[in-house]
Amino acid sequence: MSNYLSETSLESYLAILPRLGRLQREVYDAIAASPSGLTCAEVEELLGMRHQTASARINELVSMDMIRIVGKDW
């Protein structure tokens, strides 16, 4: 878990954790552990995921308001 999560963020994460799939958790944890966030390409490389898998999990997490996309080059 990231040192950059607030107590409220941690509580929210723990509350939704049971509803997340394994790959969603992996993507979320990787992004949360990075102080400046990660691009989709960085998630792919870090986790060894195909682009389609990483981008789908990122989009799911965005839909759940767990992460947000900043900038164009995600």
Protein backbone atom coordinates (compact mmCIF):
# COMPACT_ATOMS: atom_id res chain seq x y z
CA MET A 1 0.00 0.00 0.00
CA SER A 2 1.25 3.45 -0.81
CA ASN A 3 2.47 5.93 1.77
CA TYR A 4 0.73 8.54 -0.34
CA LEU A 5 -2.81 7.38 0.41
CA SER A 6 -4.73 9.44 2.91
CA GLU A 7 -6.60 7.70 5.70
CA THR A 8 -9.85 8.36 3.81
CA SER A 9 -8.37 6.90 0.61
CA LEU A 10 -7.21 3.83 2.49
CA GLU A 11 -10.66 3.34 4.02
CA SER A 12 -12.27 3.70 0.58
CA TYR A 13 -9.82 1.23 -0.93
CA LEU A 14 -10.41 -1.33 1.81
CA ALA A 15 -14.18 -0.94 1.45
CA ILE A 16 -14.13 -1.63 -2.29
CA LEU A 17 -11.36 -4.25 -2.20
CA PRO A 18 -13.73 -7.25 -2.07
CA ARG A 19 -15.36 -6.06 -5.31
CA LEU A 20 -12.09 -5.68 -7.21
CA GLY A 21 -10.70 -8.44 -9.35
CA ARG A 22 -7.08 -9.53 -8.98
CA LEU A 23 -5.86 -7.59 -12.02
CA GLN A 24 -7.73 -4.46 -10.96
CA ARG A 25 -6.04 -4.67 -7.54
CA GLU A 26 -2.63 -5.13 -9.14
CA VAL A 27 -3.11 -2.10 -11.38
CA TYR A 28 -4.50 0.02 -8.55
CA ASP A 29 -1.70 -0.93 -6.17
CA ALA A 30 0.96 -0.18 -8.79
CA ILE A 31 -0.50 3.24 -9.53
CA ALA A 32 -1.05 4.05 -5.86
CA ALA A 33 2.56 3.14 -5.07
CA SER A 34 3.88 5.65 -7.60
CA PRO A 35 3.99 9.23 -6.24
CA SER A 36 3.45 10.74 -9.68
CA GLY A 37 1.16 8.02 -11.04
CA LEU A 38 1.87 5.80 -14.03
CA THR A 39 1.11 5.85 -17.72
CA CYS A 40 -0.67 2.89 -19.24
CA ALA A 41 2.62 1.86 -20.88
CA GLU A 42 4.35 1.97 -17.48
CA VAL A 43 1.62 -0.20 -15.95
CA GLU A 44 2.02 -2.66 -18.82
CA GLU A 45 5.78 -2.86 -18.37
CA LEU A 46 5.76 -2.96 -14.57
CA LEU A 47 3.12 -5.68 -14.36
CA GLY A 48 3.95 -7.55 -17.56
CA MET A 49 0.47 -6.97 -18.96
CA ARG A 50 -0.67 -6.65 -22.54
CA HIS A 51 -1.93 -3.21 -23.52
CA GLN A 52 -5.53 -4.39 -23.83
CA THR A 53 -5.48 -5.86 -20.34
CA ALA A 54 -3.87 -2.85 -18.66
CA SER A 55 -6.01 -0.25 -20.43
CA ALA A 56 -9.21 -2.17 -19.66
CA ARG A 57 -8.35 -2.41 -15.95
CA ILE A 58 -7.42 1.30 -15.89
CA ASN A 59 -10.73 2.22 -17.52
CA GLU A 60 -12.61 0.08 -15.01
CA LEU A 61 -10.84 1.80 -12.10
CA VAL A 62 -11.64 5.20 -13.62
CA SER A 63 -15.32 4.19 -13.91
CA MET A 64 -15.28 3.23 -10.23
CA ASP A 65 -13.77 6.65 -9.32
CA MET A 66 -10.73 4.92 -7.81
CA ILE A 67 -8.22 6.62 -10.10
CA ARG A 68 -8.32 9.47 -12.56
CA ILE A 69 -6.57 10.07 -15.83
CA VAL A 70 -4.48 13.23 -15.94
CA GLY A 71 -3.05 14.45 -19.21
CA LYS A 72 -3.30 12.98 -22.67
CA ASP A 73 -0.53 10.39 -22.73
CA TRP A 74 -1.77 7.76 -20.31
